[in-house]
Amino acid sequence: MAENSTIARPYAQAAFDIAKDKGALAAWSDMLALAAMVASDPSMAEAIESPHIGSEDLVSLFLDICGDKLDTQGKNFIRVLAENKRLNILADIATVYEQYRADAEGTVEAEVISAFPISDAQQQNLIAGLKKRLGRDISLTTRVDDTLIGGAIIRAGDLVIDGTVTRHLEDLTHSLMR
């Protein structure tokens, strides 16, 4: 996985540079998300890995599936990836691209996983706290995990805050064992 991320980085940077020059960061996000979804389809993934399908045929198939949702530069990007046998890392490229975009726009994607649903007021408090701590605008998503006893896990970029009851019990156990 780390290797794919390393390989994806220059391609994501190239896509980001093109998108930034054209003022099309959101459009490129959409194109890369679509391309990653197409590449991850089991049938397409099999075709990408097949030594019997040439890069031109693969590009033709890929572009037919994507239709007019890719602009000229997006289509050229797919061609370059196919020629370099990198279509299989499109999901990694899209992920790294989104990191570059978030950095450029000063935003952070944050996720809260909680034992119970979080109210709107709690979400606003979390957003305010994370914004103050990280100095960026926060885009928050929430989900409920029934396996948690209580509390929540917050992930924002590289920051992970584990405030679950299970984590606190583990810390207490560790302290008592000393």
N, C-alpha and C. Protein backbone atom coordinates (compact mmCIF):
# COMPACT_ATOMS: atom_id res chain seq x y z
N MET A 1 0.83 -1.19 0.00
CA MET A 1 0.00 0.00 0.00
C MET A 1 0.87 1.25 0.00
N ALA A 2 1.90 1.26 0.87
CA ALA A 2 2.78 2.43 0.91
C ALA A 2 3.48 2.61 -0.42
N GLU A 3 3.81 1.50 -1.08
CA GLU A 3 4.46 1.58 -2.37
C GLU A 3 3.53 2.22 -3.40
N ASN A 4 2.28 1.82 -3.42
CA ASN A 4 1.32 2.43 -4.36
C ASN A 4 1.17 3.91 -4.09
N SER A 5 1.16 4.29 -2.83
CA SER A 5 1.04 5.70 -2.49
C SER A 5 2.26 6.49 -2.98
N THR A 6 3.42 5.89 -2.87
CA THR A 6 4.64 6.53 -3.35
C THR A 6 4.62 6.68 -4.87
N ILE A 7 4.17 5.65 -5.55
CA ILE A 7 4.08 5.68 -7.01
C ILE A 7 3.01 6.68 -7.45
N ALA A 8 1.92 6.77 -6.68
CA ALA A 8 0.80 7.64 -7.04
C ALA A 8 1.13 9.12 -6.88
N ARG A 9 2.03 9.43 -5.98
CA ARG A 9 2.32 10.83 -5.64
C ARG A 9 2.66 11.71 -6.84
N PRO A 10 3.60 11.34 -7.72
CA PRO A 10 3.90 12.23 -8.86
C PRO A 10 2.73 12.38 -9.83
N TYR A 11 1.95 11.33 -10.00
CA TYR A 11 0.78 11.42 -10.88
C TYR A 11 -0.27 12.35 -10.27
N ALA A 12 -0.48 12.23 -8.96
CA ALA A 12 -1.42 13.10 -8.28
C ALA A 12 -0.95 14.54 -8.33
N GLN A 13 0.35 14.74 -8.19
CA GLN A 13 0.91 16.10 -8.26
C GLN A 13 0.69 16.69 -9.65
N ALA A 14 0.92 15.87 -10.68
CA ALA A 14 0.70 16.34 -12.06
C ALA A 14 -0.77 16.72 -12.27
N ALA A 15 -1.67 15.87 -11.81
CA ALA A 15 -3.10 16.16 -11.94
C ALA A 15 -3.46 17.43 -11.18
N PHE A 16 -2.90 17.57 -9.98
CA PHE A 16 -3.17 18.76 -9.17
C PHE A 16 -2.66 20.01 -9.87
N ASP A 17 -1.46 19.94 -10.43
CA ASP A 17 -0.89 21.11 -11.13
C ASP A 17 -1.76 21.52 -12.32
N ILE A 18 -2.22 20.54 -13.07
CA ILE A 18 -3.09 20.82 -14.22
C ILE A 18 -4.39 21.46 -13.73
N ALA A 19 -4.99 20.85 -12.72
CA ALA A 19 -6.27 21.35 -12.20
C ALA A 19 -6.13 22.75 -11.63
N LYS A 20 -5.05 23.00 -10.92
CA LYS A 20 -4.84 24.31 -10.31
C LYS A 20 -4.65 25.38 -11.39
N ASP A 21 -3.87 25.05 -12.43
CA ASP A 21 -3.65 25.99 -13.54
C ASP A 21 -4.95 26.34 -14.24
N LYS A 22 -5.85 25.38 -14.35
CA LYS A 22 -7.12 25.60 -15.04
C LYS A 22 -8.23 26.08 -14.09
N GLY A 23 -7.94 26.14 -12.81
CA GLY A 23 -8.98 26.52 -11.85
C GLY A 23 -10.08 25.49 -11.77
N ALA A 24 -9.68 24.23 -11.88
CA ALA A 24 -10.66 23.15 -11.95
C ALA A 24 -10.39 22.07 -10.90
N LEU A 25 -10.10 22.48 -9.67
CA LEU A 25 -9.80 21.50 -8.62
C LEU A 25 -10.99 20.56 -8.37
N ALA A 26 -12.19 21.11 -8.29
CA ALA A 26 -13.37 20.29 -8.03
C ALA A 26 -13.66 19.35 -9.21
N ALA A 27 -13.51 19.86 -10.43
CA ALA A 27 -13.77 19.03 -11.61
C ALA A 27 -12.80 17.85 -11.66
N TRP A 28 -11.54 18.10 -11.34
CA TRP A 28 -10.56 17.01 -11.33
C TRP A 28 -10.85 16.03 -10.20
N SER A 29 -11.35 16.50 -9.08
CA SER A 29 -11.75 15.58 -8.00
C SER A 29 -12.81 14.62 -8.51
N ASP A 30 -13.80 15.18 -9.23
CA ASP A 30 -14.87 14.35 -9.78
C ASP A 30 -14.34 13.36 -10.81
N MET A 31 -13.46 13.85 -11.70
CA MET A 31 -12.92 12.97 -12.74
C MET A 31 -12.09 11.84 -12.14
N LEU A 32 -11.25 12.17 -11.17
CA LEU A 32 -10.41 11.14 -10.55
C LEU A 32 -11.24 10.16 -9.74
N ALA A 33 -12.29 10.65 -9.07
CA ALA A 33 -13.16 9.75 -8.32
C ALA A 33 -13.86 8.77 -9.26
N LEU A 34 -14.34 9.28 -10.39
CA LEU A 34 -14.99 8.42 -11.38
C LEU A 34 -13.99 7.41 -11.93
N ALA A 35 -12.81 7.87 -12.32
CA ALA A 35 -11.80 6.97 -12.88
C ALA A 35 -11.38 5.91 -11.87
N ALA A 36 -11.25 6.29 -10.61
CA ALA A 36 -10.89 5.32 -9.57
C ALA A 36 -11.99 4.28 -9.40
N MET A 37 -13.25 4.73 -9.47
CA MET A 37 -14.37 3.81 -9.35
C MET A 37 -14.38 2.82 -10.52
N VAL A 38 -14.14 3.33 -11.73
CA VAL A 38 -14.10 2.46 -12.91
C VAL A 38 -12.96 1.46 -12.78
N ALA A 39 -11.78 1.92 -12.37
CA ALA A 39 -10.61 1.05 -12.26
C ALA A 39 -10.79 -0.01 -11.18
N SER A 40 -11.58 0.29 -10.15
CA SER A 40 -11.77 -0.67 -9.06
C SER A 40 -12.86 -1.70 -9.33
N ASP A 41 -13.63 -1.50 -10.39
CA ASP A 41 -14.64 -2.50 -10.77
C ASP A 41 -13.92 -3.82 -11.03
N PRO A 42 -14.41 -4.93 -10.49
CA PRO A 42 -13.70 -6.21 -10.65
C PRO A 42 -13.41 -6.59 -12.11
N SER A 43 -14.35 -6.35 -13.00
CA SER A 43 -14.14 -6.68 -14.41
C SER A 43 -13.05 -5.81 -15.02
N MET A 44 -13.08 -4.52 -14.69
CA MET A 44 -12.07 -3.60 -15.21
C MET A 44 -10.72 -3.89 -14.59
N ALA A 45 -10.69 -4.19 -13.30
CA ALA A 45 -9.42 -4.51 -12.63
C ALA A 45 -8.78 -5.73 -13.28
N GLU A 46 -9.61 -6.69 -13.65
CA GLU A 46 -9.11 -7.89 -14.34
C GLU A 46 -8.55 -7.52 -15.71
N ALA A 47 -9.23 -6.65 -16.43
CA ALA A 47 -8.75 -6.21 -17.75
C ALA A 47 -7.45 -5.43 -17.62
N ILE A 48 -7.35 -4.60 -16.58
CA ILE A 48 -6.13 -3.80 -16.36
C ILE A 48 -4.93 -4.71 -16.12
N GLU A 49 -5.14 -5.78 -15.37
CA GLU A 49 -4.05 -6.70 -15.03
C GLU A 49 -3.77 -7.72 -16.14
N SER A 50 -4.65 -7.84 -17.11
CA SER A 50 -4.48 -8.84 -18.16
C SER A 50 -3.32 -8.49 -19.10
N PRO A 51 -2.41 -9.44 -19.31
CA PRO A 51 -1.32 -9.20 -20.25
C PRO A 51 -1.78 -9.29 -21.71
N HIS A 52 -3.02 -9.74 -21.93
CA HIS A 52 -3.55 -9.95 -23.28
C HIS A 52 -4.25 -8.71 -23.85
N ILE A 53 -4.44 -7.69 -23.01
CA ILE A 53 -5.11 -6.48 -23.47
C ILE A 53 -4.08 -5.36 -23.55
N GLY A 54 -3.91 -4.81 -24.74
CA GLY A 54 -2.95 -3.73 -24.95
C GLY A 54 -3.43 -2.43 -24.34
N SER A 55 -2.49 -1.51 -24.15
CA SER A 55 -2.85 -0.24 -23.49
C SER A 55 -3.83 0.57 -24.32
N GLU A 56 -3.73 0.51 -25.66
CA GLU A 56 -4.67 1.27 -26.50
C GLU A 56 -6.09 0.74 -26.36
N ASP A 57 -6.22 -0.59 -26.34
CA ASP A 57 -7.55 -1.18 -26.16
C ASP A 57 -8.10 -0.88 -24.77
N LEU A 58 -7.21 -0.90 -23.78
CA LEU A 58 -7.61 -0.61 -22.42
C LEU A 58 -8.08 0.84 -22.29
N VAL A 59 -7.35 1.75 -22.91
CA VAL A 59 -7.73 3.17 -22.89
C VAL A 59 -9.09 3.35 -23.57
N SER A 60 -9.27 2.71 -24.70
CA SER A 60 -10.52 2.82 -25.43
C SER A 60 -11.69 2.33 -24.57
N LEU A 61 -11.52 1.19 -23.94
CA LEU A 61 -12.55 0.63 -23.06
C LEU A 61 -12.82 1.57 -21.89
N PHE A 62 -11.76 2.04 -21.27
CA PHE A 62 -11.87 2.93 -20.11
C PHE A 62 -12.60 4.22 -20.46
N LEU A 63 -12.21 4.82 -21.57
CA LEU A 63 -12.82 6.08 -21.98
C LEU A 63 -14.27 5.90 -22.42
N ASP A 64 -14.58 4.75 -23.01
CA ASP A 64 -15.97 4.46 -23.37
C ASP A 64 -16.85 4.41 -22.12
N ILE A 65 -16.32 3.81 -21.07
CA ILE A 65 -17.08 3.69 -19.83
C ILE A 65 -17.27 5.07 -19.19
N CYS A 66 -16.21 5.86 -19.19
CA CYS A 66 -16.28 7.18 -18.55
C CYS A 66 -17.11 8.17 -19.37
N GLY A 67 -17.20 7.94 -20.66
CA GLY A 67 -18.00 8.81 -21.52
C GLY A 67 -17.49 10.23 -21.53
N ASP A 68 -18.43 11.17 -21.51
CA ASP A 68 -18.05 12.58 -21.59
C ASP A 68 -17.79 13.20 -20.22
N LYS A 69 -17.65 12.37 -19.20
CA LYS A 69 -17.39 12.88 -17.85
C LYS A 69 -15.92 13.26 -17.65
N LEU A 70 -15.07 12.89 -18.61
CA LEU A 70 -13.66 13.29 -18.58
C LEU A 70 -13.43 14.33 -19.66
N ASP A 71 -12.74 15.41 -19.31
CA ASP A 71 -12.39 16.40 -20.34
C ASP A 71 -11.16 15.91 -21.11
N THR A 72 -10.70 16.69 -22.04
CA THR A 72 -9.57 16.29 -22.89
C THR A 72 -8.34 15.97 -22.05
N GLN A 73 -8.05 16.81 -21.07
CA GLN A 73 -6.88 16.56 -20.23
C GLN A 73 -7.07 15.32 -19.36
N GLY A 74 -8.27 15.09 -18.91
CA GLY A 74 -8.57 13.88 -18.14
C GLY A 74 -8.36 12.63 -18.97
N LYS A 75 -8.79 12.68 -20.22
CA LYS A 75 -8.59 11.55 -21.13
C LYS A 75 -7.10 11.32 -21.38
N ASN A 76 -6.36 12.41 -21.56
CA ASN A 76 -4.91 12.27 -21.76
C ASN A 76 -4.24 11.70 -20.52
N PHE A 77 -4.73 12.07 -19.36
CA PHE A 77 -4.20 11.54 -18.11
C PHE A 77 -4.39 10.03 -18.05
N ILE A 78 -5.57 9.57 -18.45
CA ILE A 78 -5.85 8.12 -18.48
C ILE A 78 -4.91 7.43 -19.47
N ARG A 79 -4.67 8.06 -20.62
CA ARG A 79 -3.74 7.49 -21.60
C ARG A 79 -2.34 7.32 -21.03
N VAL A 80 -1.86 8.35 -20.35
CA VAL A 80 -0.53 8.29 -19.74
C VAL A 80 -0.47 7.18 -18.69
N LEU A 81 -1.50 7.08 -17.86
CA LEU A 81 -1.53 6.02 -16.85
C LEU A 81 -1.53 4.64 -17.49
N ALA A 82 -2.29 4.47 -18.56
CA ALA A 82 -2.35 3.18 -19.24
C ALA A 82 -1.00 2.83 -19.87
N GLU A 83 -0.37 3.81 -20.52
CA GLU A 83 0.93 3.56 -21.15
C GLU A 83 1.99 3.17 -20.12
N ASN A 84 1.87 3.72 -18.92
CA ASN A 84 2.83 3.42 -17.86
C ASN A 84 2.36 2.30 -16.93
N LYS A 85 1.27 1.65 -17.30
CA LYS A 85 0.69 0.54 -16.54
C LYS A 85 0.41 0.95 -15.08
N ARG A 86 -0.27 2.09 -14.94
CA ARG A 86 -0.59 2.63 -13.63
C ARG A 86 -2.08 2.82 -13.38
N LEU A 87 -2.92 2.29 -14.25
CA LEU A 87 -4.37 2.43 -14.03
C LEU A 87 -4.80 1.75 -12.73
N ASN A 88 -4.04 0.75 -12.31
CA ASN A 88 -4.39 0.01 -11.11
C ASN A 88 -4.22 0.82 -9.82
N ILE A 89 -3.55 1.99 -9.90
CA ILE A 89 -3.36 2.81 -8.69
C ILE A 89 -4.19 4.10 -8.74
N LEU A 90 -5.21 4.11 -9.56
CA LEU A 90 -6.05 5.31 -9.67
C LEU A 90 -6.68 5.71 -8.33
N ALA A 91 -7.07 4.74 -7.53
CA ALA A 91 -7.66 5.08 -6.22
C ALA A 91 -6.63 5.79 -5.35
N ASP A 92 -5.39 5.33 -5.40
CA ASP A 92 -4.32 5.97 -4.62
C ASP A 92 -4.04 7.37 -5.15
N ILE A 93 -4.05 7.52 -6.47
CA ILE A 93 -3.83 8.83 -7.08
C ILE A 93 -4.93 9.79 -6.63
N ALA A 94 -6.18 9.33 -6.65
CA ALA A 94 -7.31 10.18 -6.24
C ALA A 94 -7.18 10.58 -4.77
N THR A 95 -6.75 9.66 -3.93
CA THR A 95 -6.58 9.96 -2.50
C THR A 95 -5.51 11.02 -2.27
N VAL A 96 -4.35 10.85 -2.92
CA VAL A 96 -3.26 11.81 -2.76
C VAL A 96 -3.68 13.17 -3.34
N TYR A 97 -4.36 13.15 -4.48
CA TYR A 97 -4.85 14.39 -5.09
C TYR A 97 -5.74 15.15 -4.10
N GLU A 98 -6.64 14.44 -3.45
CA GLU A 98 -7.54 15.08 -2.49
C GLU A 98 -6.77 15.70 -1.33
N GLN A 99 -5.67 15.08 -0.93
CA GLN A 99 -4.83 15.67 0.11
C GLN A 99 -4.22 16.98 -0.37
N TYR A 100 -3.71 16.98 -1.61
CA TYR A 100 -3.15 18.21 -2.18
C TYR A 100 -4.22 19.29 -2.28
N ARG A 101 -5.40 18.90 -2.70
CA ARG A 101 -6.49 19.86 -2.84
C ARG A 101 -6.87 20.45 -1.48
N ALA A 102 -6.99 19.59 -0.48
CA ALA A 102 -7.35 20.06 0.86
C ALA A 102 -6.30 21.02 1.40
N ASP A 103 -5.03 20.70 1.16
CA ASP A 103 -3.96 21.61 1.61
C ASP A 103 -4.07 22.96 0.91
N ALA A 104 -4.32 22.93 -0.39
CA ALA A 104 -4.41 24.18 -1.16
C ALA A 104 -5.62 25.01 -0.74
N GLU A 105 -6.70 24.35 -0.41
CA GLU A 105 -7.93 25.06 -0.04
C GLU A 105 -8.01 25.34 1.46
N GLY A 106 -7.03 24.84 2.23
CA GLY A 106 -7.03 25.07 3.67
C GLY A 106 -8.14 24.34 4.39
N THR A 107 -8.47 23.15 3.92
CA THR A 107 -9.53 22.37 4.55
C THR A 107 -8.98 21.02 5.02
N VAL A 108 -9.70 20.42 5.94
CA VAL A 108 -9.37 19.08 6.43
C VAL A 108 -10.66 18.27 6.48
N GLU A 109 -10.59 17.06 5.97
CA GLU A 109 -11.70 16.13 6.10
C GLU A 109 -11.59 15.48 7.47
N ALA A 110 -12.62 15.57 8.26
CA ALA A 110 -12.63 14.96 9.59
C ALA A 110 -13.78 13.97 9.67
N GLU A 111 -13.54 12.88 10.40
CA GLU A 111 -14.56 11.86 10.59
C GLU A 111 -14.70 11.59 12.08
N VAL A 112 -15.94 11.50 12.53
CA VAL A 112 -16.22 11.16 13.91
C VAL A 112 -16.98 9.84 13.90
N ILE A 113 -16.43 8.88 14.60
CA ILE A 113 -17.07 7.57 14.74
C ILE A 113 -17.50 7.48 16.20
N SER A 114 -18.79 7.37 16.42
CA SER A 114 -19.29 7.40 17.80
C SER A 114 -20.19 6.22 18.08
N ALA A 115 -20.40 6.00 19.38
CA ALA A 115 -21.27 4.92 19.81
C ALA A 115 -22.74 5.26 19.58
N PHE A 116 -23.05 6.55 19.61
CA PHE A 116 -24.42 7.02 19.44
C PHE A 116 -24.43 8.20 18.47
N PRO A 117 -25.58 8.50 17.87
CA PRO A 117 -25.64 9.65 16.96
C PRO A 117 -25.22 10.95 17.66
N ILE A 118 -24.56 11.81 16.91
CA ILE A 118 -24.09 13.09 17.44
C ILE A 118 -25.05 14.18 16.99
N SER A 119 -25.46 15.02 17.93
CA SER A 119 -26.41 16.10 17.61
C SER A 119 -25.73 17.17 16.77
N ASP A 120 -26.54 18.01 16.16
CA ASP A 120 -26.00 19.13 15.35
C ASP A 120 -25.15 20.06 16.20
N ALA A 121 -25.59 20.32 17.43
CA ALA A 121 -24.84 21.21 18.32
C ALA A 121 -23.47 20.60 18.65
N GLN A 122 -23.45 19.29 18.91
CA GLN A 122 -22.18 18.62 19.19
C GLN A 122 -21.26 18.66 17.96
N GLN A 123 -21.84 18.48 16.79
CA GLN A 123 -21.04 18.55 15.57
C GLN A 123 -20.43 19.94 15.40
N GLN A 124 -21.22 20.98 15.65
CA GLN A 124 -20.71 22.34 15.52
C GLN A 124 -19.60 22.61 16.53
N ASN A 125 -19.74 22.09 17.75
CA ASN A 125 -18.68 22.24 18.75
C ASN A 125 -17.40 21.52 18.32
N LEU A 126 -17.56 20.32 17.77
CA LEU A 126 -16.39 19.58 17.26
C LEU A 126 -15.71 20.34 16.13
N ILE A 127 -16.50 20.85 15.21
CA ILE A 127 -15.95 21.60 14.07
C ILE A 127 -15.18 22.82 14.59
N ALA A 128 -15.76 23.54 15.53
CA ALA A 128 -15.11 24.73 16.08
C ALA A 128 -13.80 24.37 16.78
N GLY A 129 -13.82 23.30 17.57
CA GLY A 129 -12.61 22.87 18.28
C GLY A 129 -11.52 22.41 17.33
N LEU A 130 -11.89 21.63 16.33
CA LEU A 130 -10.90 21.16 15.35
C LEU A 130 -10.35 22.31 14.52
N LYS A 131 -11.22 23.25 14.18
CA LYS A 131 -10.77 24.40 13.39
C LYS A 131 -9.75 25.21 14.19
N LYS A 132 -10.02 25.38 15.47
CA LYS A 132 -9.10 26.13 16.33
C LYS A 132 -7.77 25.39 16.47
N ARG A 133 -7.84 24.09 16.64
CA ARG A 133 -6.63 23.29 16.84
C ARG A 133 -5.80 23.16 15.58
N LEU A 134 -6.47 22.97 14.43
CA LEU A 134 -5.77 22.71 13.17
C LEU A 134 -5.57 23.95 12.31
N GLY A 135 -6.32 25.00 12.60
CA GLY A 135 -6.19 26.23 11.83
C GLY A 135 -6.68 26.09 10.40
N ARG A 136 -7.65 25.23 10.18
CA ARG A 136 -8.22 25.01 8.85
C ARG A 136 -9.72 24.84 8.95
N ASP A 137 -10.39 25.03 7.80
CA ASP A 137 -11.82 24.74 7.75
C ASP A 137 -11.99 23.23 7.82
N ILE A 138 -13.05 22.80 8.46
CA ILE A 138 -13.30 21.38 8.69
C ILE A 138 -14.53 20.93 7.93
N SER A 139 -14.38 19.82 7.22
CA SER A 139 -15.51 19.15 6.59
C SER A 139 -15.74 17.87 7.39
N LEU A 140 -16.84 17.83 8.14
CA LEU A 140 -17.08 16.75 9.09
C LEU A 140 -18.08 15.74 8.57
N THR A 141 -17.72 14.47 8.72
CA THR A 141 -18.66 13.38 8.48
C THR A 141 -18.75 12.58 9.77
N THR A 142 -19.91 12.01 10.00
CA THR A 142 -20.12 11.22 11.22
C THR A 142 -20.69 9.87 10.85
N ARG A 143 -20.38 8.91 11.70
CA ARG A 143 -21.02 7.61 11.57
C ARG A 143 -21.08 6.95 12.94
N VAL A 144 -22.03 6.07 13.09
CA VAL A 144 -22.24 5.37 14.35
C VAL A 144 -21.65 3.96 14.21
N ASP A 145 -20.90 3.56 15.24
CA ASP A 145 -20.33 2.21 15.29
C ASP A 145 -20.92 1.51 16.50
N ASP A 146 -21.79 0.55 16.25
CA ASP A 146 -22.49 -0.14 17.34
C ASP A 146 -21.56 -0.96 18.23
N THR A 147 -20.34 -1.24 17.78
CA THR A 147 -19.41 -2.03 18.58
C THR A 147 -18.75 -1.20 19.68
N LEU A 148 -18.85 0.11 19.61
CA LEU A 148 -18.28 0.96 20.65
C LEU A 148 -19.20 0.97 21.87
N ILE A 149 -18.61 0.95 23.04
CA ILE A 149 -19.39 1.00 24.28
C ILE A 149 -19.90 2.42 24.50
N GLY A 150 -19.04 3.38 24.26
CA GLY A 150 -19.37 4.79 24.44
C GLY A 150 -18.21 5.63 23.96
N GLY A 151 -18.42 6.93 23.85
CA GLY A 151 -17.36 7.83 23.40
C GLY A 151 -17.28 7.91 21.89
N ALA A 152 -16.13 8.39 21.40
CA ALA A 152 -15.97 8.59 19.97
C ALA A 152 -14.50 8.57 19.57
N ILE A 153 -14.27 8.35 18.30
CA ILE A 153 -12.95 8.44 17.69
C ILE A 153 -13.05 9.55 16.66
N ILE A 154 -12.10 10.47 16.70
CA ILE A 154 -12.06 11.58 15.75
C ILE A 154 -10.81 11.44 14.91
N ARG A 155 -10.97 11.46 13.59
CA ARG A 155 -9.84 11.42 12.67
C ARG A 155 -9.91 12.65 11.79
N ALA A 156 -8.83 13.43 11.80
CA ALA A 156 -8.74 14.63 10.97
C ALA A 156 -7.32 14.71 10.44
N GLY A 157 -7.15 14.34 9.17
CA GLY A 157 -5.81 14.30 8.61
C GLY A 157 -4.98 13.26 9.35
N ASP A 158 -3.83 13.67 9.87
CA ASP A 158 -2.96 12.76 10.62
C ASP A 158 -3.35 12.66 12.09
N LEU A 159 -4.25 13.51 12.53
CA LEU A 159 -4.66 13.54 13.93
C LEU A 159 -5.72 12.48 14.20
N VAL A 160 -5.50 11.68 15.25
CA VAL A 160 -6.49 10.70 15.69
C VAL A 160 -6.68 10.89 17.19
N ILE A 161 -7.90 11.14 17.59
CA ILE A 161 -8.24 11.28 19.01
C ILE A 161 -9.19 10.14 19.35
N ASP A 162 -8.72 9.24 20.21
CA ASP A 162 -9.54 8.10 20.62
C ASP A 162 -10.10 8.37 22.00
N GLY A 163 -11.33 8.78 22.04
CA GLY A 163 -12.00 9.07 23.31
C GLY A 163 -13.06 8.04 23.63
N THR A 164 -12.83 6.81 23.21
CA THR A 164 -13.82 5.76 23.47
C THR A 164 -13.67 5.22 24.88
N VAL A 165 -14.72 4.67 25.41
CA VAL A 165 -14.70 4.06 26.73
C VAL A 165 -13.69 2.92 26.74
N THR A 166 -13.65 2.14 25.69
CA THR A 166 -12.71 1.03 25.59
C THR A 166 -11.28 1.51 25.74
N ARG A 167 -10.95 2.61 25.08
CA ARG A 167 -9.59 3.16 25.17
C ARG A 167 -9.29 3.61 26.59
N HIS A 168 -10.24 4.27 27.24
CA HIS A 168 -10.03 4.72 28.61
C HIS A 168 -9.85 3.54 29.56
N LEU A 169 -10.60 2.47 29.34
CA LEU A 169 -10.44 1.26 30.16
C LEU A 169 -9.07 0.63 29.94
N GLU A 170 -8.60 0.61 28.69
CA GLU A 170 -7.27 0.09 28.40
C GLU A 170 -6.19 0.92 29.09
N ASP A 171 -6.34 2.24 29.07
CA ASP A 171 -5.38 3.13 29.74
C ASP A 171 -5.38 2.88 31.25
N LEU A 172 -6.56 2.72 31.82
CA LEU A 172 -6.68 2.47 33.26
C LEU A 172 -6.02 1.13 33.61
N THR A 173 -6.28 0.11 32.82
CA THR A 173 -5.68 -1.20 33.04
C THR A 173 -4.17 -1.11 32.98
N HIS A 174 -3.67 -0.40 32.00
CA HIS A 174 -2.23 -0.22 31.84
C HIS A 174 -1.64 0.51 33.05
N SER A 175 -2.32 1.52 33.54
CA SER A 175 -1.85 2.28 34.71
C SER A 175 -1.82 1.41 35.95
N LEU A 176 -2.84 0.58 36.13
CA LEU A 176 -2.90 -0.31 37.30
C LEU A 176 -1.84 -1.41 37.25
N MET A 177 -1.43 -1.79 36.05
CA MET A 177 -0.44 -2.86 35.90
C MET A 177 0.97 -2.39 36.25
N ARG A 178 1.21 -1.08 36.28
CA ARG A 178 2.54 -0.55 36.58
C ARG A 178 2.89 -0.71 37.99
